[in-house]
C-alpha atoms as a PDB file:
ATOM      1  CA  MET A   1     141.530  84.480  62.918  1.00  0.00           C
ATOM      2  CA  SER A   2     138.858  82.133  62.212  1.00  0.00           C
ATOM      3  CA  ASP A   3     139.025  81.259  65.991  1.00  0.00           C
ATOM      4  CA  GLN A   4     138.577  84.975  66.770  1.00  0.00           C
ATOM      5  CA  ALA A   5     135.708  85.088  64.412  1.00  0.00           C
ATOM      6  CA  GLU A   6     133.822  82.221  66.098  1.00  0.00           C
ATOM      7  CA  LYS A   7     134.512  83.795  69.284  1.00  0.00           C
ATOM      8  CA  LYS A   8     133.057  86.825  68.118  1.00  0.00           C
ATOM      9  CA  ASN A   9     129.914  85.349  66.541  1.00  0.00           C
ATOM     10  CA  GLY A  10     129.496  83.489  69.827  1.00  0.00           C
ATOM     11  CA  VAL A  11     129.532  86.647  71.840  1.00  0.00           C
ATOM     12  CA  GLU A  12     126.935  88.200  69.450  1.00  0.00           C
ATOM     13  CA  SER A  13     124.614  85.370  69.737  1.00  0.00           C
ATOM     14  CA  THR A  14     124.855  85.402  73.526  1.00  0.00           C
ATOM     15  CA  GLU A  15     124.005  89.065  73.285  1.00  0.00           C
ATOM     16  CA  ILE A  16     121.131  88.583  71.051  1.00  0.00           C
ATOM     17  CA  LYS A  17     119.636  85.701  72.940  1.00  0.00           C
ATOM     18  CA  THR A  18     120.011  87.994  76.259  1.00  0.00           C
ATOM     19  CA  ARG A  19     118.110  90.973  74.652  1.00  0.00           C
ATOM     20  CA  SER A  20     115.652  88.402  73.324  1.00  0.00           C
ATOM     21  CA  ASN A  21     115.100  86.947  76.737  1.00  0.00           C
ATOM     22  CA  THR A  22     114.831  90.339  78.599  1.00  0.00           C
ATOM     23  CA  LEU A  23     112.291  91.528  75.850  1.00  0.00           C
ATOM     24  CA  PHE A  24     110.449  88.488  76.284  1.00  0.00           C
ATOM     25  CA  LEU A  25     110.025  88.659  80.100  1.00  0.00           C
ATOM     26  CA  ALA A  26     109.242  92.533  79.761  1.00  0.00           C
ATOM     27  CA  GLU A  27     106.642  91.957  77.231  1.00  0.00           C
ATOM     28  CA  THR A  28     104.974  89.074  79.041  1.00  0.00           C
ATOM     29  CA  ALA A  29     105.006  90.857  82.346  1.00  0.00           C
ATOM     30  CA  SER A  30     103.365  94.049  80.632  1.00  0.00           C
ATOM     31  CA  PHE A  31     100.658  92.349  78.820  1.00  0.00           C
ATOM     32  CA  ALA A  32     100.112  89.769  81.881  1.00  0.00           C
ATOM     33  CA  ALA A  33      99.380  92.890  83.970  1.00  0.00           C
ATOM     34  CA  LEU A  34      97.140  94.391  81.560  1.00  0.00           C
ATOM     35  CA  ILE A  35      95.076  91.223  81.208  1.00  0.00           C
ATOM     36  CA  ALA A  36      94.904  90.663  84.709  1.00  0.00           C
ATOM     37  CA  MET A  37      93.658  94.327  85.375  1.00  0.00           C
ATOM     38  CA  THR A  38      90.993  93.842  82.525  1.00  0.00           C
ATOM     39  CA  THR A  39      90.158  90.420  83.923  1.00  0.00           C
ATOM     40  CA  ALA A  40      89.513  91.820  87.471  1.00  0.00           C
ATOM     41  CA  VAL A  41      87.411  94.918  86.209  1.00  0.00           C
ATOM     42  CA  SER A  42      84.017  93.638  85.070  1.00  0.00           C
ATOM     43  CA  THR A  43      80.808  95.395  84.664  1.00  0.00           C
ATOM     44  CA  ALA A  44      79.680  93.973  88.192  1.00  0.00           C
ATOM     45  CA  LEU A  45      82.579  95.558  89.615  1.00  0.00           C
ATOM     46  CA  LEU A  46      82.384  99.131  88.332  1.00  0.00           C
ATOM     47  CA  GLY A  47      78.487  98.792  89.443  1.00  0.00           C
ATOM     48  CA  ILE A  48      76.717  98.869  86.198  1.00  0.00           C
ATOM     49  CA  PRO A  49      73.387  97.099  86.775  1.00  0.00           C
ATOM     50  CA  LEU A  50      73.328  94.377  84.049  1.00  0.00           C
ATOM     51  CA  PRO A  51      71.711  90.804  84.116  1.00  0.00           C
ATOM     52  CA  ALA A  52      73.830  87.654  84.017  1.00  0.00           C
ATOM     53  CA  PRO A  53      76.084  87.194  81.925  1.00  0.00           C
ATOM     54  CA  LEU A  54      76.225  90.760  80.944  1.00  0.00           C
ATOM     55  CA  SER A  55      77.408  91.624  84.559  1.00  0.00           C
ATOM     56  CA  GLU A  56      80.675  89.580  83.992  1.00  0.00           C
ATOM     57  CA  ILE A  57      81.847  91.358  80.725  1.00  0.00           C
ATOM     58  CA  THR A  58      85.493  92.346  80.962  1.00  0.00           C
ATOM     59  CA  PHE A  59      87.677  93.820  78.263  1.00  0.00           C
ATOM     60  CA  ALA A  60      90.295  91.134  78.617  1.00  0.00           C
ATOM     61  CA  PRO A  61      89.299  89.144  75.535  1.00  0.00           C
ATOM     62  CA  ALA A  62      89.781  92.340  73.222  1.00  0.00           C
ATOM     63  CA  ILE A  63      93.249  92.365  74.709  1.00  0.00           C
ATOM     64  CA  TYR A  64      94.595  88.882  74.790  1.00  0.00           C
ATOM     65  CA  LEU A  65      92.973  88.239  71.081  1.00  0.00           C
ATOM     66  CA  THR A  66      95.186  91.253  69.743  1.00  0.00           C
ATOM     67  CA  ILE A  67      98.109  90.306  71.478  1.00  0.00           C
ATOM     68  CA  ALA A  68      97.836  86.803  70.068  1.00  0.00           C
ATOM     69  CA  VAL A  69      97.946  88.141  66.485  1.00  0.00           C
ATOM     70  CA  LEU A  70     100.550  91.022  66.969  1.00  0.00           C
ATOM     71  CA  TYR A  71     103.095  89.096  69.285  1.00  0.00           C
ATOM     72  CA  PRO A  72     104.795  85.542  68.952  1.00  0.00           C
ATOM     73  CA  ARG A  73     103.031  82.471  70.357  1.00  0.00           C
ATOM     74  CA  LYS A  74     105.464  82.422  73.533  1.00  0.00           C
ATOM     75  CA  VAL A  75     104.506  85.851  74.455  1.00  0.00           C
ATOM     76  CA  SER A  76     100.899  85.638  73.975  1.00  0.00           C
ATOM     77  CA  PHE A  77     100.370  82.256  75.472  1.00  0.00           C
ATOM     78  CA  TRP A  78     102.282  82.979  78.692  1.00  0.00           C
ATOM     79  CA  SER A  79     100.916  86.500  79.081  1.00  0.00           C
ATOM     80  CA  THR A  80      97.280  85.366  78.627  1.00  0.00           C
ATOM     81  CA  ALA A  81      97.808  82.613  81.190  1.00  0.00           C
ATOM     82  CA  ILE A  82      99.697  84.295  83.918  1.00  0.00           C
ATOM     83  CA  GLY A  83      97.488  87.640  83.507  1.00  0.00           C
ATOM     84  CA  SER A  84      94.172  85.323  83.699  1.00  0.00           C
ATOM     85  CA  ALA A  85      95.330  83.519  86.538  1.00  0.00           C
ATOM     86  CA  LEU A  86      96.215  86.775  88.394  1.00  0.00           C
ATOM     87  CA  GLY A  87      93.126  88.417  87.237  1.00  0.00           C
ATOM     88  CA  GLU A  88      90.642  85.580  88.538  1.00  0.00           C
ATOM     89  CA  ALA A  89      92.596  85.591  91.746  1.00  0.00           C
ATOM     90  CA  ILE A  90      92.003  89.129  92.428  1.00  0.00           C
ATOM     91  CA  ASN A  91      88.406  88.536  91.560  1.00  0.00           C
ATOM     92  CA  VAL A  92      87.946  85.741  93.992  1.00  0.00           C
ATOM     93  CA  LEU A  93      90.380  86.580  96.823  1.00  0.00           C
ATOM     94  CA  ILE A  94      90.209  90.333  96.946  1.00  0.00           C
ATOM     95  CA  PHE A  95      86.867  91.386  95.168  1.00  0.00           C
ATOM     96  CA  GLY A  96      85.093  88.312  96.473  1.00  0.00           C
ATOM     97  CA  SER A  97      83.504  87.354  93.554  1.00  0.00           C
ATOM     98  CA  ALA A  98      83.121  83.819  94.905  1.00  0.00           C
ATOM     99  CA  PRO A  99      84.087  82.134  98.009  1.00  0.00           C
ATOM    100  CA  ALA A 100      87.705  81.973  98.445  1.00  0.00           C
ATOM    101  CA  ALA A 101      87.768  77.915  98.221  1.00  0.00           C
ATOM    102  CA  PHE A 102      86.508  78.179  94.712  1.00  0.00           C
ATOM    103  CA  ALA A 103      89.838  79.740  93.798  1.00  0.00           C
ATOM    104  CA  VAL A 104      91.284  76.203  93.924  1.00  0.00           C
ATOM    105  CA  ILE A 105      89.207  75.495  90.546  1.00  0.00           C
ATOM    106  CA  TYR A 106      88.458  79.011  89.089  1.00  0.00           C
ATOM    107  CA  ILE A 107      92.100  79.838  88.593  1.00  0.00           C
ATOM    108  CA  PRO A 108      93.100  76.556  86.838  1.00  0.00           C
ATOM    109  CA  GLY A 109      89.885  76.894  84.906  1.00  0.00           C
ATOM    110  CA  MET A 110      90.508  80.238  83.581  1.00  0.00           C
ATOM    111  CA  ILE A 111      93.975  79.393  82.401  1.00  0.00           C
ATOM    112  CA  TRP A 112      92.576  76.136  80.833  1.00  0.00           C
ATOM    113  CA  ALA A 113      90.030  78.165  79.026  1.00  0.00           C
ATOM    114  CA  ARG A 114      92.039  81.203  77.872  1.00  0.00           C
ATOM    115  CA  ALA A 115      95.665  80.122  77.430  1.00  0.00           C
ATOM    116  CA  PRO A 116      94.707  77.920  74.278  1.00  0.00           C
ATOM    117  CA  GLU A 117      92.987  80.703  72.937  1.00  0.00           C
ATOM    118  CA  ALA A 118      96.208  82.281  72.209  1.00  0.00           C
ATOM    119  CA  LEU A 119      97.538  79.272  70.573  1.00  0.00           C
ATOM    120  CA  ILE A 120      94.524  79.148  68.213  1.00  0.00           C
ATOM    121  CA  MET A 121      95.049  82.653  67.340  1.00  0.00           C
ATOM    122  CA  ASN A 122      98.644  82.147  66.580  1.00  0.00           C
ATOM    123  CA  ARG A 123      97.808  79.567  63.871  1.00  0.00           C
ATOM    124  CA  PHE A 124      95.804  82.232  61.951  1.00  0.00           C
ATOM    125  CA  ARG A 125      98.071  85.367  62.678  1.00  0.00           C
ATOM    126  CA  ARG A 126      99.465  85.676  59.207  1.00  0.00           C
ATOM    127  CA  LYS A 127      96.009  85.191  57.439  1.00  0.00           C
ATOM    128  CA  SER A 128      93.385  87.824  56.373  1.00  0.00           C
ATOM    129  CA  SER A 129      91.111  89.811  58.594  1.00  0.00           C
ATOM    130  CA  LEU A 130      88.233  87.681  57.785  1.00  0.00           C
ATOM    131  CA  TRP A 131      90.243  84.535  58.671  1.00  0.00           C
ATOM    132  CA  LEU A 132      91.226  86.217  62.036  1.00  0.00           C
ATOM    133  CA  ALA A 133      87.569  87.197  62.891  1.00  0.00           C
ATOM    134  CA  PHE A 134      86.771  83.370  62.302  1.00  0.00           C
ATOM    135  CA  ALA A 135      89.687  82.144  64.613  1.00  0.00           C
ATOM    136  CA  MET A 136      88.435  84.530  67.178  1.00  0.00           C
ATOM    137  CA  VAL A 137      85.034  82.825  66.799  1.00  0.00           C
ATOM    138  CA  ILE A 138      86.563  79.509  67.196  1.00  0.00           C
ATOM    139  CA  ALA A 139      88.838  80.490  70.077  1.00  0.00           C
ATOM    140  CA  THR A 140      85.677  82.023  72.012  1.00  0.00           C
ATOM    141  CA  VAL A 141      83.726  78.839  71.400  1.00  0.00           C
ATOM    142  CA  TYR A 142      86.721  76.778  72.706  1.00  0.00           C
ATOM    143  CA  GLU A 143      86.678  79.122  75.822  1.00  0.00           C
ATOM    144  CA  THR A 144      82.823  78.407  76.159  1.00  0.00           C
ATOM    145  CA  LEU A 145      83.178  74.832  76.052  1.00  0.00           C
ATOM    146  CA  ALA A 146      86.281  74.869  78.210  1.00  0.00           C
ATOM    147  CA  PHE A 147      84.193  76.283  81.011  1.00  0.00           C
ATOM    148  CA  PHE A 148      80.908  74.266  80.035  1.00  0.00           C
ATOM    149  CA  PHE A 149      82.325  70.563  80.240  1.00  0.00           C
ATOM    150  CA  PRO A 150      84.164  70.708  83.449  1.00  0.00           C
ATOM    151  CA  ASP A 151      81.234  72.359  85.354  1.00  0.00           C
ATOM    152  CA  TRP A 152      78.922  69.862  83.907  1.00  0.00           C
ATOM    153  CA  PHE A 153      81.044  67.222  85.410  1.00  0.00           C
ATOM    154  CA  PHE A 154      81.427  69.143  88.750  1.00  0.00           C
ATOM    155  CA  TYR A 155      77.987  69.750  89.203  1.00  0.00           C
ATOM    156  CA  SER A 156      76.870  66.223  88.273  1.00  0.00           C
ATOM    157  CA  PHE A 157      79.286  64.110  90.185  1.00  0.00           C
ATOM    158  CA  THR A 158      81.132  65.914  92.818  1.00  0.00           C
ATOM    159  CA  PHE A 159      80.404  67.938  95.986  1.00  0.00           C
ATOM    160  CA  PHE A 160      82.484  71.030  95.101  1.00  0.00           C
ATOM    161  CA  TYR A 161      79.454  72.997  94.247  1.00  0.00           C
ATOM    162  CA  GLY A 162      77.478  71.291  96.995  1.00  0.00           C
ATOM    163  CA  SER A 163      75.871  67.859  96.655  1.00  0.00           C
ATOM    164  CA  PRO A 164      76.102  66.304  93.309  1.00  0.00           C
ATOM    165  CA  THR A 165      72.920  66.878  91.240  1.00  0.00           C
ATOM    166  CA  GLY A 166      72.968  64.318  88.430  1.00  0.00           C
ATOM    167  CA  VAL A 167      73.914  64.394  84.857  1.00  0.00           C
ATOM    168  CA  LEU A 168      70.563  66.228  83.581  1.00  0.00           C
ATOM    169  CA  ALA A 169      70.409  68.604  86.548  1.00  0.00           C
ATOM    170  CA  GLY A 170      74.209  69.394  86.183  1.00  0.00           C
ATOM    171  CA  LEU A 171      73.664  69.997  82.603  1.00  0.00           C
ATOM    172  CA  SER A 172      71.142  72.453  83.184  1.00  0.00           C
ATOM    173  CA  LEU A 173      73.230  74.239  85.542  1.00  0.00           C
ATOM    174  CA  ALA A 174      76.487  74.204  83.461  1.00  0.00           C
ATOM    175  CA  ALA A 175      74.475  75.521  80.704  1.00  0.00           C
ATOM    176  CA  PHE A 176      74.810  79.058  82.099  1.00  0.00           C
ATOM    177  CA  ASP A 177      78.402  78.980  80.898  1.00  0.00           C
ATOM    178  CA  PHE A 178      77.178  79.468  77.253  1.00  0.00           C
ATOM    179  CA  GLY A 179      76.921  83.120  78.431  1.00  0.00           C
ATOM    180  CA  THR A 180      80.809  83.202  77.834  1.00  0.00           C
ATOM    181  CA  LEU A 181      79.661  83.663  74.132  1.00  0.00           C
ATOM    182  CA  ILE A 182      78.977  87.034  74.968  1.00  0.00           C
ATOM    183  CA  ASP A 183      82.687  87.631  74.746  1.00  0.00           C
ATOM    184  CA  LEU A 184      82.072  87.493  70.638  1.00  0.00           C
ATOM    185  CA  ILE A 185      81.066  91.146  71.009  1.00  0.00           C
ATOM    186  CA  TRP A 186      85.020  92.061  71.378  1.00  0.00           C
ATOM    187  CA  ILE A 187      85.844  90.533  68.142  1.00  0.00           C
ATOM    188  CA  PRO A 188      85.143  93.681  66.056  1.00  0.00           C
ATOM    189  CA  VAL A 189      87.232  95.694  68.907  1.00  0.00           C
ATOM    190  CA  ALA A 190      90.038  93.326  68.582  1.00  0.00           C
ATOM    191  CA  LEU A 191      90.179  93.647  64.948  1.00  0.00           C
ATOM    192  CA  LEU A 192      90.134  97.349  65.155  1.00  0.00           C
ATOM    193  CA  LEU A 193      93.029  97.518  67.799  1.00  0.00           C
ATOM    194  CA  ILE A 194      95.277  95.249  65.623  1.00  0.00           C
ATOM    195  CA  GLN A 195      94.546  97.527  62.548  1.00  0.00           C
ATOM    196  CA  ALA A 196      95.195 100.599  64.952  1.00  0.00           C
ATOM    197  CA  VAL A 197      98.533  99.255  65.911  1.00  0.00           C
ATOM    198  CA  ARG A 198      99.664  97.924  62.751  1.00  0.00           C
ATOM    199  CA  SER A 199      98.802 101.363  61.137  1.00  0.00           C
ATOM    200  CA  ALA A 200     100.544 103.437  63.876  1.00  0.00           C
ATOM    201  CA  PHE A 201     103.790 101.311  63.864  1.00  0.00           C
ATOM    202  CA  SER A 202     103.921 100.492  60.133  1.00  0.00           C
ATOM    203  CA  VAL A 203     104.224  96.704  61.042  1.00  0.00           C
ATOM    204  CA  GLN A 204     102.520  93.304  60.688  1.00  0.00           C
ATOM    205  CA  PHE A 205     103.897  91.719  63.824  1.00  0.00           C
ATOM    206  CA  PHE A 206     106.252  92.265  66.602  1.00  0.00           C
ATOM    207  CA  GLY A 207     108.769  89.758  66.770  1.00  0.00           C
ATOM    208  CA  ASP A 208     109.846  87.198  64.114  1.00  0.00           C
ATOM    209  CA  VAL A 209     108.771  83.849  65.465  1.00  0.00           C
ATOM    210  CA  ARG A 210     110.323  81.697  62.529  1.00  0.00           C
ATOM    211  CA  THR A 211     113.869  82.975  63.054  1.00  0.00           C
ATOM    212  CA  GLY A 212     113.848  83.251  66.702  1.00  0.00           C
ATOM    213  CA  THR A 213     115.012  86.975  66.720  1.00  0.00           C
ATOM    214  CA  ARG A 214     113.094  89.898  68.179  1.00  0.00           C
ATOM    215  CA  LYS A 215     112.980  92.076  65.016  1.00  0.00           C
ATOM    216  CA  ILE A 216     109.779  93.938  63.983  1.00  0.00           C
ATOM    217  CA  THR A 217     108.501  92.400  60.813  1.00  0.00           C
ATOM    218  CA  SER A 218     107.409  95.311  58.436  1.00  0.00           C
ATOM    219  CA  ASN A 219     104.071  95.142  56.584  1.00  0.00           C
ATOM    220  CA  LYS A 220     105.767  96.817  53.565  1.00  0.00           C
ATOM    221  CA  PRO A 221     106.184  94.878  50.500  1.00  0.00           C
ATOM    222  CA  ILE A 222     109.541  93.199  49.789  1.00  0.00           C
END
């Protein structure tokens, strides 16, 4: 009897893991596609005449910041990494936002800058809205610095962007990366999206990262 019970438990455990893996793949693929689309579609592509860096505004930060709060770390990290890479590839290789050779550095750079934002947000996902806003500021500052320091190095010492310019000239060119801080405008939007989803589905989070199951965590008091 105990052998049968153990066998039954083993089968149920396998089924749960299979459903969990399938759901993970579905969520990651769906969110990656959404992030890719919102990364590729910028104000410049839409033909909205705005000066830099406003011309490069995309809706993607509001999306991946929201996902990072509502979904487990594994889902948010991989969907942000894959979606950002695909979106940047579309920008460079299809829309021609930069010479095709730049994809070698632009795509990894986008992953390096954005994917850790999901990890930052995950650390604060169970905090209050004020803490979430603070974490989003930290994540956006990280993204900006993640663009700035590599670009400073490349401008100053390599031939990737042309002839090396030296430290000071490289610093002045890389300083344009601080325009990435314009993404701070998406923080109120992300907070509204989080609240809207929680109210609509009566949940705080989708997926219980602490137990490894794919249960919806209710926001109702226990």
